[in-house]
């Protein structure tokens, strides 16, 4: 581990942001004219190891119990939802009947 840490620290060189004559930005490890030190942050490291998930408790928590308690359903809301669904189904069927002429059968 110590050897890996030392080689990583030695190989980490500063990155410079340079601007060429056309005004384009170029990133390089060799500084020079029209260059300034750039902070590009730490590199991201990704792994293919599966993500471990914490064990779920055997008894439901208070928040889970509260979510299970459902408020009573208002029949007027159910009727309005059914009418909205019927209207949406009707509009879908009418939309399927519209042809633009460029569709294939």
PDB file of N, CA and C in Angstrom:
ATOM      1  N   UNK A   1       0.825  -1.186   0.000  1.00  0.00           N
ATOM      2  CA  UNK A   1       0.000   0.000   0.000  1.00  0.00           C
ATOM      3  C   UNK A   1       0.870   1.251   0.000  1.00  0.00           C
ATOM      4  N   UNK A   2       1.925   1.211   0.769  1.00  0.00           N
ATOM      5  CA  UNK A   2       2.827   2.361   0.832  1.00  0.00           C
ATOM      6  C   UNK A   2       3.485   2.612  -0.516  1.00  0.00           C
ATOM      7  N   UNK A   3       3.892   1.546  -1.179  1.00  0.00           N
ATOM      8  CA  UNK A   3       4.516   1.688  -2.495  1.00  0.00           C
ATOM      9  C   UNK A   3       3.536   2.276  -3.502  1.00  0.00           C
ATOM     10  N   UNK A   4       2.303   1.807  -3.467  1.00  0.00           N
ATOM     11  CA  UNK A   4       1.275   2.325  -4.373  1.00  0.00           C
ATOM     12  C   UNK A   4       1.019   3.803  -4.104  1.00  0.00           C
ATOM     13  N   UNK A   5       0.963   4.186  -2.843  1.00  0.00           N
ATOM     14  CA  UNK A   5       0.738   5.579  -2.480  1.00  0.00           C
ATOM     15  C   UNK A   5       1.878   6.463  -2.960  1.00  0.00           C
ATOM     16  N   UNK A   6       3.090   6.004  -2.808  1.00  0.00           N
ATOM     17  CA  UNK A   6       4.240   6.800  -3.234  1.00  0.00           C
ATOM     18  C   UNK A   6       4.283   6.959  -4.752  1.00  0.00           C
ATOM     19  N   UNK A   7       3.995   5.900  -5.487  1.00  0.00           N
ATOM     20  CA  UNK A   7       4.036   6.013  -6.940  1.00  0.00           C
ATOM     21  C   UNK A   7       2.919   6.896  -7.462  1.00  0.00           C
ATOM     22  N   UNK A   8       1.782   6.874  -6.811  1.00  0.00           N
ATOM     23  CA  UNK A   8       0.681   7.733  -7.224  1.00  0.00           C
ATOM     24  C   UNK A   8       1.027   9.195  -6.973  1.00  0.00           C
ATOM     25  N   UNK A   9       1.624   9.482  -5.837  1.00  0.00           N
ATOM     26  CA  UNK A   9       1.982  10.854  -5.513  1.00  0.00           C
ATOM     27  C   UNK A   9       3.072  11.370  -6.463  1.00  0.00           C
ATOM     28  N   UNK A  10       4.003  10.512  -6.841  1.00  0.00           N
ATOM     29  CA  UNK A  10       5.079  10.929  -7.726  1.00  0.00           C
ATOM     30  C   UNK A  10       4.559  11.144  -9.147  1.00  0.00           C
ATOM     31  N   UNK A  11       3.636  10.284  -9.587  1.00  0.00           N
ATOM     32  CA  UNK A  11       3.159  10.378 -10.961  1.00  0.00           C
ATOM     33  C   UNK A  11       2.143  11.500 -11.161  1.00  0.00           C
ATOM     34  N   UNK A  12       1.617  12.046 -10.090  1.00  0.00           N
ATOM     35  CA  UNK A  12       0.644  13.129 -10.215  1.00  0.00           C
ATOM     36  C   UNK A  12       1.381  14.412 -10.577  1.00  0.00           C
ATOM     37  N   UNK A  13       1.232  14.846 -11.803  1.00  0.00           N
ATOM     38  CA  UNK A  13       1.887  16.058 -12.277  1.00  0.00           C
ATOM     39  C   UNK A  13       0.842  17.153 -12.432  1.00  0.00           C
ATOM     40  N   UNK A  14       1.229  18.402 -12.295  1.00  0.00           N
ATOM     41  CA  UNK A  14       0.257  19.482 -12.459  1.00  0.00           C
ATOM     42  C   UNK A  14      -0.222  19.569 -13.914  1.00  0.00           C
ATOM     43  N   UNK A  15      -1.445  19.956 -14.066  1.00  0.00           N
ATOM     44  CA  UNK A  15      -2.044  20.132 -15.386  1.00  0.00           C
ATOM     45  C   UNK A  15      -2.131  21.622 -15.680  1.00  0.00           C
ATOM     46  N   UNK A  16      -1.742  22.007 -16.880  1.00  0.00           N
ATOM     47  CA  UNK A  16      -1.772  23.407 -17.276  1.00  0.00           C
ATOM     48  C   UNK A  16      -2.824  23.609 -18.360  1.00  0.00           C
ATOM     49  N   UNK A  17      -3.497  24.738 -18.291  1.00  0.00           N
ATOM     50  CA  UNK A  17      -4.471  25.130 -19.313  1.00  0.00           C
ATOM     51  C   UNK A  17      -3.808  26.204 -20.172  1.00  0.00           C
ATOM     52  N   UNK A  18      -3.580  25.851 -21.419  1.00  0.00           N
ATOM     53  CA  UNK A  18      -2.891  26.770 -22.331  1.00  0.00           C
ATOM     54  C   UNK A  18      -3.862  27.257 -23.408  1.00  0.00           C
ATOM     55  N   UNK A  19      -3.670  28.468 -23.868  1.00  0.00           N
ATOM     56  CA  UNK A  19      -4.477  29.033 -24.947  1.00  0.00           C
ATOM     57  C   UNK A  19      -3.573  29.221 -26.154  1.00  0.00           C
ATOM     58  N   UNK A  20      -3.980  28.607 -27.290  1.00  0.00           N
ATOM     59  CA  UNK A  20      -3.146  28.737 -28.485  1.00  0.00           C
ATOM     60  C   UNK A  20      -3.502  30.018 -29.235  1.00  0.00           C
ATOM     61  N   UNK A  21      -2.853  30.238 -30.381  1.00  0.00           N
ATOM     62  CA  UNK A  21      -3.034  31.482 -31.135  1.00  0.00           C
ATOM     63  C   UNK A  21      -4.446  31.651 -31.671  1.00  0.00           C
ATOM     64  N   UNK A  22      -5.182  30.536 -31.859  1.00  0.00           N
ATOM     65  CA  UNK A  22      -6.565  30.609 -32.352  1.00  0.00           C
ATOM     66  C   UNK A  22      -7.565  30.790 -31.212  1.00  0.00           C
ATOM     67  N   UNK A  23      -7.082  30.809 -29.973  1.00  0.00           N
ATOM     68  CA  UNK A  23      -7.960  30.999 -28.830  1.00  0.00           C
ATOM     69  C   UNK A  23      -8.524  29.711 -28.252  1.00  0.00           C
ATOM     70  N   UNK A  24      -8.072  28.558 -28.749  1.00  0.00           N
ATOM     71  CA  UNK A  24      -8.543  27.265 -28.232  1.00  0.00           C
ATOM     72  C   UNK A  24      -7.792  26.912 -26.960  1.00  0.00           C
ATOM     73  N   UNK A  25      -8.497  26.241 -26.035  1.00  0.00           N
ATOM     74  CA  UNK A  25      -7.865  25.803 -24.802  1.00  0.00           C
ATOM     75  C   UNK A  25      -7.292  24.414 -24.999  1.00  0.00           C
ATOM     76  N   UNK A  26      -6.063  24.225 -24.532  1.00  0.00           N
ATOM     77  CA  UNK A  26      -5.374  22.948 -24.615  1.00  0.00           C
ATOM     78  C   UNK A  26      -4.875  22.626 -23.218  1.00  0.00           C
ATOM     79  N   UNK A  27      -5.100  21.387 -22.777  1.00  0.00           N
ATOM     80  CA  UNK A  27      -4.635  20.957 -21.467  1.00  0.00           C
ATOM     81  C   UNK A  27      -3.406  20.081 -21.650  1.00  0.00           C
ATOM     82  N   UNK A  28      -2.340  20.390 -20.892  1.00  0.00           N
ATOM     83  CA  UNK A  28      -1.076  19.671 -21.027  1.00  0.00           C
ATOM     84  C   UNK A  28      -0.365  19.638 -19.677  1.00  0.00           C
ATOM     85  N   UNK A  29       0.636  18.750 -19.577  1.00  0.00           N
ATOM     86  CA  UNK A  29       1.428  18.685 -18.351  1.00  0.00           C
ATOM     87  C   UNK A  29       2.666  19.568 -18.445  1.00  0.00           C
ATOM     88  N   UNK A  30       2.976  20.043 -19.625  1.00  0.00           N
ATOM     89  CA  UNK A  30       4.132  20.915 -19.809  1.00  0.00           C
ATOM     90  C   UNK A  30       3.641  22.358 -19.892  1.00  0.00           C
ATOM     91  N   UNK A  31       4.041  23.150 -18.938  1.00  0.00           N
ATOM     92  CA  UNK A  31       3.652  24.553 -18.956  1.00  0.00           C
ATOM     93  C   UNK A  31       4.452  25.320 -19.985  1.00  0.00           C
ATOM     94  N   UNK A  32       4.035  26.508 -20.297  1.00  0.00           N
ATOM     95  CA  UNK A  32       4.756  27.315 -21.268  1.00  0.00           C
ATOM     96  C   UNK A  32       4.095  28.676 -21.383  1.00  0.00           C
ATOM     97  N   UNK A  33       4.299  29.315 -22.540  1.00  0.00           N
ATOM     98  CA  UNK A  33       3.734  30.622 -22.805  1.00  0.00           C
ATOM     99  C   UNK A  33       2.214  30.497 -22.886  1.00  0.00           C
ATOM    100  N   UNK A  34       1.489  31.463 -22.357  1.00  0.00           N
ATOM    101  CA  UNK A  34       0.027  31.493 -22.339  1.00  0.00           C
ATOM    102  C   UNK A  34      -0.576  30.307 -21.587  1.00  0.00           C
ATOM    103  N   UNK A  35       0.112  29.822 -20.553  1.00  0.00           N
ATOM    104  CA  UNK A  35      -0.376  28.695 -19.767  1.00  0.00           C
ATOM    105  C   UNK A  35      -0.557  29.116 -18.318  1.00  0.00           C
ATOM    106  N   UNK A  36      -1.547  28.532 -17.684  1.00  0.00           N
ATOM    107  CA  UNK A  36      -1.742  28.742 -16.250  1.00  0.00           C
ATOM    108  C   UNK A  36      -2.114  27.408 -15.627  1.00  0.00           C
ATOM    109  N   UNK A  37      -1.794  27.246 -14.351  1.00  0.00           N
ATOM    110  CA  UNK A  37      -2.103  26.003 -13.654  1.00  0.00           C
ATOM    111  C   UNK A  37      -3.615  25.829 -13.590  1.00  0.00           C
ATOM    112  N   UNK A  38      -4.054  24.600 -13.806  1.00  0.00           N
ATOM    113  CA  UNK A  38      -5.482  24.314 -13.830  1.00  0.00           C
ATOM    114  C   UNK A  38      -5.820  23.317 -12.737  1.00  0.00           C
ATOM    115  N   UNK A  39      -6.953  23.520 -12.093  1.00  0.00           N
ATOM    116  CA  UNK A  39      -7.421  22.600 -11.073  1.00  0.00           C
ATOM    117  C   UNK A  39      -8.573  21.804 -11.674  1.00  0.00           C
ATOM    118  N   UNK A  40      -8.288  20.585 -12.114  1.00  0.00           N
ATOM    119  CA  UNK A  40      -9.336  19.778 -12.734  1.00  0.00           C
ATOM    120  C   UNK A  40      -9.973  18.815 -11.746  1.00  0.00           C
ATOM    121  N   UNK A  41      -9.611  18.892 -10.489  1.00  0.00           N
ATOM    122  CA  UNK A  41     -10.222  18.058  -9.465  1.00  0.00           C
ATOM    123  C   UNK A  41      -9.608  16.676  -9.395  1.00  0.00           C
ATOM    124  N   UNK A  42     -10.204  15.844  -8.556  1.00  0.00           N
ATOM    125  CA  UNK A  42      -9.709  14.489  -8.368  1.00  0.00           C
ATOM    126  C   UNK A  42     -10.329  13.573  -9.422  1.00  0.00           C
ATOM    127  N   UNK A  43      -9.593  12.559  -9.849  1.00  0.00           N
ATOM    128  CA  UNK A  43     -10.163  11.623 -10.815  1.00  0.00           C
ATOM    129  C   UNK A  43     -11.241  10.759 -10.168  1.00  0.00           C
ATOM    130  N   UNK A  44     -12.209  10.365 -10.947  1.00  0.00           N
ATOM    131  CA  UNK A  44     -13.269   9.483 -10.470  1.00  0.00           C
ATOM    132  C   UNK A  44     -12.834   8.043 -10.650  1.00  0.00           C
ATOM    133  N   UNK A  45     -13.134   7.228  -9.665  1.00  0.00           N
ATOM    134  CA  UNK A  45     -12.783   5.821  -9.724  1.00  0.00           C
ATOM    135  C   UNK A  45     -14.073   5.023  -9.660  1.00  0.00           C
ATOM    136  N   UNK A  46     -14.268   4.154 -10.626  1.00  0.00           N
ATOM    137  CA  UNK A  46     -15.463   3.321 -10.683  1.00  0.00           C
ATOM    138  C   UNK A  46     -15.066   1.866 -10.505  1.00  0.00           C
ATOM    139  N   UNK A  47     -15.949   1.083  -9.961  1.00  0.00           N
ATOM    140  CA  UNK A  47     -15.691  -0.327  -9.749  1.00  0.00           C
ATOM    141  C   UNK A  47     -16.825  -1.153 -10.327  1.00  0.00           C
ATOM    142  N   UNK A  48     -16.513  -2.388 -10.665  1.00  0.00           N
ATOM    143  CA  UNK A  48     -17.547  -3.283 -11.167  1.00  0.00           C
ATOM    144  C   UNK A  48     -18.090  -4.173 -10.063  1.00  0.00           C
ATOM    145  N   UNK A  49     -17.642  -3.951  -8.853  1.00  0.00           N
ATOM    146  CA  UNK A  49     -18.122  -4.756  -7.725  1.00  0.00           C
ATOM    147  C   UNK A  49     -19.590  -4.442  -7.456  1.00  0.00           C
ATOM    148  N   UNK A  50     -20.370  -5.446  -7.107  1.00  0.00           N
ATOM    149  CA  UNK A  50     -21.789  -5.200  -6.831  1.00  0.00           C
ATOM    150  C   UNK A  50     -21.955  -4.338  -5.592  1.00  0.00           C
ATOM    151  N   UNK A  51     -22.989  -3.555  -5.586  1.00  0.00           N
ATOM    152  CA  UNK A  51     -23.262  -2.677  -4.462  1.00  0.00           C
ATOM    153  C   UNK A  51     -23.947  -3.484  -3.376  1.00  0.00           C
ATOM    154  N   UNK A  52     -23.435  -3.386  -2.183  1.00  0.00           N
ATOM    155  CA  UNK A  52     -24.067  -4.114  -1.077  1.00  0.00           C
ATOM    156  C   UNK A  52     -25.202  -3.271  -0.523  1.00  0.00           C
ATOM    157  N   UNK A  53     -26.309  -3.924  -0.260  1.00  0.00           N
ATOM    158  CA  UNK A  53     -27.462  -3.236   0.291  1.00  0.00           C
ATOM    159  C   UNK A  53     -27.601  -3.608   1.751  1.00  0.00           C
ATOM    160  N   UNK A  54     -27.993  -2.677   2.583  1.00  0.00           N
ATOM    161  CA  UNK A  54     -28.144  -2.999   4.000  1.00  0.00           C
ATOM    162  C   UNK A  54     -29.319  -3.947   4.195  1.00  0.00           C
ATOM    163  N   UNK A  55     -29.224  -4.756   5.222  1.00  0.00           N
ATOM    164  CA  UNK A  55     -30.294  -5.704   5.525  1.00  0.00           C
ATOM    165  C   UNK A  55     -31.537  -4.944   5.955  1.00  0.00           C
ATOM    166  N   UNK A  56     -32.691  -5.420   5.506  1.00  0.00           N
ATOM    167  CA  UNK A  56     -33.946  -4.771   5.876  1.00  0.00           C
ATOM    168  C   UNK A  56     -34.411  -5.316   7.218  1.00  0.00           C
ATOM    169  N   UNK A  57     -34.998  -4.482   8.038  1.00  0.00           N
ATOM    170  CA  UNK A  57     -35.473  -4.954   9.337  1.00  0.00           C
ATOM    171  C   UNK A  57     -36.654  -5.908   9.154  1.00  0.00           C
ATOM    172  N   UNK A  58     -36.790  -6.840  10.086  1.00  0.00           N
ATOM    173  CA  UNK A  58     -37.861  -7.827   9.968  1.00  0.00           C
ATOM    174  C   UNK A  58     -39.209  -7.240  10.346  1.00  0.00           C
ATOM    175  N   UNK A  59     -39.236  -6.316  11.284  1.00  0.00           N
ATOM    176  CA  UNK A  59     -40.506  -5.699  11.653  1.00  0.00           C
ATOM    177  C   UNK A  59     -40.615  -4.345  10.962  1.00  0.00           C
ATOM    178  N   UNK A  60     -41.814  -3.985  10.498  1.00  0.00           N
ATOM    179  CA  UNK A  60     -41.955  -2.695   9.815  1.00  0.00           C
ATOM    180  C   UNK A  60     -41.741  -1.527  10.776  1.00  0.00           C
ATOM    181  N   UNK A  61     -41.130  -0.475  10.250  1.00  0.00           N
ATOM    182  CA  UNK A  61     -40.888   0.710  11.059  1.00  0.00           C
ATOM    183  C   UNK A  61     -42.166   1.521  11.178  1.00  0.00           C
ATOM    184  N   UNK A  62     -42.118   2.544  11.994  1.00  0.00           N
ATOM    185  CA  UNK A  62     -43.303   3.383  12.195  1.00  0.00           C
ATOM    186  C   UNK A  62     -43.699   4.098  10.915  1.00  0.00           C
ATOM    187  N   UNK A  63     -42.712   4.503  10.103  1.00  0.00           N
ATOM    188  CA  UNK A  63     -43.055   5.186   8.857  1.00  0.00           C
ATOM    189  C   UNK A  63     -43.716   4.221   7.882  1.00  0.00           C
ATOM    190  N   UNK A  64     -43.250   2.963   7.851  1.00  0.00           N
ATOM    191  CA  UNK A  64     -43.889   1.976   6.983  1.00  0.00           C
ATOM    192  C   UNK A  64     -45.305   1.682   7.448  1.00  0.00           C
ATOM    193  N   UNK A  65     -45.514   1.637   8.764  1.00  0.00           N
ATOM    194  CA  UNK A  65     -46.856   1.402   9.280  1.00  0.00           C
ATOM    195  C   UNK A  65     -47.766   2.572   8.939  1.00  0.00           C
ATOM    196  N   UNK A  66     -47.230   3.796   8.988  1.00  0.00           N
ATOM    197  CA  UNK A  66     -48.030   4.972   8.658  1.00  0.00           C
ATOM    198  C   UNK A  66     -48.385   4.982   7.174  1.00  0.00           C
ATOM    199  N   UNK A  67     -47.462   4.500   6.303  1.00  0.00           N
ATOM    200  CA  UNK A  67     -47.755   4.454   4.878  1.00  0.00           C
ATOM    201  C   UNK A  67     -48.838   3.431   4.565  1.00  0.00           C
ATOM    202  N   UNK A  68     -48.911   2.356   5.372  1.00  0.00           N
ATOM    203  CA  UNK A  68     -49.914   1.330   5.144  1.00  0.00           C
ATOM    204  C   UNK A  68     -51.310   1.816   5.508  1.00  0.00           C
ATOM    205  N   UNK A  69     -51.388   2.746   6.431  1.00  0.00           N
ATOM    206  CA  UNK A  69     -52.686   3.285   6.821  1.00  0.00           C
ATOM    207  C   UNK A  69     -53.141   4.239   5.727  1.00  0.00           C
ATOM    208  N   UNK A  70     -54.127   3.805   4.950  1.00  0.00           N
ATOM    209  CA  UNK A  70     -54.594   4.567   3.801  1.00  0.00           C
ATOM    210  C   UNK A  70     -55.836   5.347   4.196  1.00  0.00           C
ATOM    211  N   UNK A  71     -55.919   6.576   3.723  1.00  0.00           N
ATOM    212  CA  UNK A  71     -57.092   7.406   4.001  1.00  0.00           C
ATOM    213  C   UNK A  71     -58.290   6.836   3.258  1.00  0.00           C
ATOM    214  N   UNK A  72     -59.475   7.021   3.784  1.00  0.00           N
ATOM    215  CA  UNK A  72     -60.664   6.517   3.098  1.00  0.00           C
ATOM    216  C   UNK A  72     -60.833   7.191   1.738  1.00  0.00           C
ATOM    217  N   UNK A  73     -61.366   6.422   0.776  1.00  0.00           N
ATOM    218  CA  UNK A  73     -61.518   6.897  -0.589  1.00  0.00           C
ATOM    219  C   UNK A  73     -62.880   7.562  -0.741  1.00  0.00           C
ATOM    220  N   UNK A  74     -62.867   8.738  -1.347  1.00  0.00           N
ATOM    221  CA  UNK A  74     -64.095   9.472  -1.589  1.00  0.00           C
ATOM    222  C   UNK A  74     -64.711   8.960  -2.895  1.00  0.00           C
ATOM    223  N   UNK A  75     -65.985   8.491  -2.876  1.00  0.00           N
ATOM    224  CA  UNK A  75     -66.608   7.966  -4.095  1.00  0.00           C
ATOM    225  C   UNK A  75     -66.676   8.999  -5.222  1.00  0.00           C
ATOM    226  N   UNK A  76     -66.795  10.276  -4.898  1.00  0.00           N
ATOM    227  CA  UNK A  76     -66.840  11.310  -5.936  1.00  0.00           C
ATOM    228  C   UNK A  76     -65.498  11.381  -6.674  1.00  0.00           C
ATOM    229  N   UNK A  77     -64.396  11.202  -5.946  1.00  0.00           N
ATOM    230  CA  UNK A  77     -63.078  11.208  -6.572  1.00  0.00           C
ATOM    231  C   UNK A  77     -62.909  10.015  -7.499  1.00  0.00           C
ATOM    232  N   UNK A  78     -63.445   8.865  -7.082  1.00  0.00           N
ATOM    233  CA  UNK A  78     -63.349   7.670  -7.911  1.00  0.00           C
ATOM    234  C   UNK A  78     -64.135   7.863  -9.206  1.00  0.00           C
ATOM    235  N   UNK A  79     -65.323   8.436  -9.099  1.00  0.00           N
ATOM    236  CA  UNK A  79     -66.137   8.687 -10.282  1.00  0.00           C
ATOM    237  C   UNK A  79     -65.464   9.654 -11.231  1.00  0.00           C
ATOM    238  N   UNK A  80     -64.855  10.708 -10.694  1.00  0.00           N
ATOM    239  CA  UNK A  80     -64.161  11.686 -11.531  1.00  0.00           C
ATOM    240  C   UNK A  80     -62.953  11.044 -12.211  1.00  0.00           C
ATOM    241  N   UNK A  81     -62.249  10.173 -11.511  1.00  0.00           N
ATOM    242  CA  UNK A  81     -61.088   9.501 -12.092  1.00  0.00           C
ATOM    243  C   UNK A  81     -61.520   8.556 -13.209  1.00  0.00           C
ATOM    244  N   UNK A  82     -62.640   7.860 -13.019  1.00  0.00           N
ATOM    245  CA  UNK A  82     -63.137   6.957 -14.063  1.00  0.00           C
ATOM    246  C   UNK A  82     -63.569   7.737 -15.303  1.00  0.00           C
ATOM    247  N   UNK A  83     -64.213   8.893 -15.093  1.00  0.00           N
ATOM    248  CA  UNK A  83     -64.616   9.712 -16.247  1.00  0.00           C
ATOM    249  C   UNK A  83     -63.391  10.218 -16.996  1.00  0.00           C
ATOM    250  N   UNK A  84     -62.371  10.638 -16.268  1.00  0.00           N
ATOM    251  CA  UNK A  84     -61.144  11.119 -16.906  1.00  0.00           C
ATOM    252  C   UNK A  84     -60.467   9.995 -17.691  1.00  0.00           C
ATOM    253  N   UNK A  85     -60.489   8.779 -17.133  1.00  0.00           N
ATOM    254  CA  UNK A  85     -59.905   7.638 -17.827  1.00  0.00           C
ATOM    255  C   UNK A  85     -60.686   7.309 -19.096  1.00  0.00           C
ATOM    256  N   UNK A  86     -62.001   7.331 -19.014  1.00  0.00           N
ATOM    257  CA  UNK A  86     -62.821   7.071 -20.196  1.00  0.00           C
ATOM    258  C   UNK A  86     -62.578   8.113 -21.288  1.00  0.00           C
ATOM    259  N   UNK A  87     -62.458   9.381 -20.882  1.00  0.00           N
ATOM    260  CA  UNK A  87     -62.188  10.445 -21.847  1.00  0.00           C
ATOM    261  C   UNK A  87     -60.822  10.243 -22.502  1.00  0.00           C
ATOM    262  N   UNK A  88     -59.839   9.847 -21.720  1.00  0.00           N
ATOM    263  CA  UNK A  88     -58.498   9.622 -22.265  1.00  0.00           C
ATOM    264  C   UNK A  88     -58.504   8.455 -23.242  1.00  0.00           C
ATOM    265  N   UNK A  89     -59.238   7.379 -22.912  1.00  0.00           N
ATOM    266  CA  UNK A  89     -59.324   6.232 -23.818  1.00  0.00           C
ATOM    267  C   UNK A  89     -60.004   6.624 -25.126  1.00  0.00           C
ATOM    268  N   UNK A  90     -61.061   7.432 -25.029  1.00  0.00           N
ATOM    269  CA  UNK A  90     -61.776   7.885 -26.220  1.00  0.00           C
ATOM    270  C   UNK A  90     -60.853   8.730 -27.101  1.00  0.00           C
ATOM    271  N   UNK A  91     -60.125   9.644 -26.496  1.00  0.00           N
ATOM    272  CA  UNK A  91     -59.199  10.497 -27.253  1.00  0.00           C
ATOM    273  C   UNK A  91     -58.095   9.665 -27.907  1.00  0.00           C
ATOM    274  N   UNK A  92     -57.644   8.623 -27.234  1.00  0.00           N
ATOM    275  CA  UNK A  92     -56.620   7.756 -27.802  1.00  0.00           C
ATOM    276  C   UNK A  92     -57.152   7.038 -29.038  1.00  0.00           C
ATOM    277  N   UNK A  93     -58.339   6.508 -28.951  1.00  0.00           N
ATOM    278  CA  UNK A  93     -58.925   5.812 -30.101  1.00  0.00           C
ATOM    279  C   UNK A  93     -59.155   6.769 -31.265  1.00  0.00           C
ATOM    280  N   UNK A  94     -59.596   7.989 -30.984  1.00  0.00           N
ATOM    281  CA  UNK A  94     -59.787   8.967 -32.057  1.00  0.00           C
ATOM    282  C   UNK A  94     -58.458   9.358 -32.677  1.00  0.00           C
ATOM    283  N   UNK A  95     -57.434   9.429 -31.864  1.00  0.00           N
ATOM    284  CA  UNK A  95     -56.108   9.763 -32.372  1.00  0.00           C
ATOM    285  C   UNK A  95     -55.546   8.682 -33.264  1.00  0.00           C
ATOM    286  N   UNK A  96     -55.888   7.431 -32.965  1.00  0.00           N
ATOM    287  CA  UNK A  96     -55.419   6.326 -33.798  1.00  0.00           C
ATOM    288  C   UNK A  96     -56.061   6.355 -35.179  1.00  0.00           C
ATOM    289  N   UNK A  97     -57.235   6.946 -35.283  1.00  0.00           N
ATOM    290  CA  UNK A  97     -57.946   7.013 -36.552  1.00  0.00           C
ATOM    291  C   UNK A  97     -57.364   8.075 -37.485  1.00  0.00           C
ATOM    292  N   UNK A  98     -56.642   9.036 -36.941  1.00  0.00           N
ATOM    293  CA  UNK A  98     -56.080  10.120 -37.749  1.00  0.00           C
ATOM    294  C   UNK A  98     -54.919   9.577 -38.559  1.00  0.00           C
ATOM    295  N   UNK A  99     -54.938   9.825 -39.851  1.00  0.00           N
ATOM    296  CA  UNK A  99     -53.876   9.372 -40.733  1.00  0.00           C
ATOM    297  C   UNK A  99     -53.225  10.591 -41.372  1.00  0.00           C
ATOM    298  N   UNK A 100     -51.933  10.574 -41.466  1.00  0.00           N
ATOM    299  CA  UNK A 100     -51.219  11.690 -42.054  1.00  0.00           C
ATOM    300  C   UNK A 100     -50.819  11.421 -43.498  1.00  0.00           C
ATOM    301  N   UNK A 101     -50.911  10.178 -43.963  1.00  0.00           N
ATOM    302  CA  UNK A 101     -50.559   9.857 -45.325  1.00  0.00           C
ATOM    303  C   UNK A 101     -49.150   9.332 -45.497  1.00  0.00           C
ATOM    304  N   UNK A 102     -48.294   9.503 -44.523  1.00  0.00           N
ATOM    305  CA  UNK A 102     -46.923   9.027 -44.680  1.00  0.00           C
ATOM    306  C   UNK A 102     -46.664   7.749 -43.861  1.00  0.00           C
ATOM    307  N   UNK A 103     -47.693   7.194 -43.243  1.00  0.00           N
ATOM    308  CA  UNK A 103     -47.510   5.970 -42.468  1.00  0.00           C
ATOM    309  C   UNK A 103     -47.589   4.770 -43.390  1.00  0.00           C
ATOM    310  N   UNK A 104     -46.932   3.701 -42.978  1.00  0.00           N
ATOM    311  CA  UNK A 104     -46.995   2.444 -43.714  1.00  0.00           C
ATOM    312  C   UNK A 104     -47.982   1.526 -43.017  1.00  0.00           C
ATOM    313  N   UNK A 105     -48.613   0.672 -43.796  1.00  0.00           N
ATOM    314  CA  UNK A 105     -49.514  -0.324 -43.223  1.00  0.00           C
ATOM    315  C   UNK A 105     -48.743  -1.570 -42.875  1.00  0.00           C
TER     316      UNK A 105
END
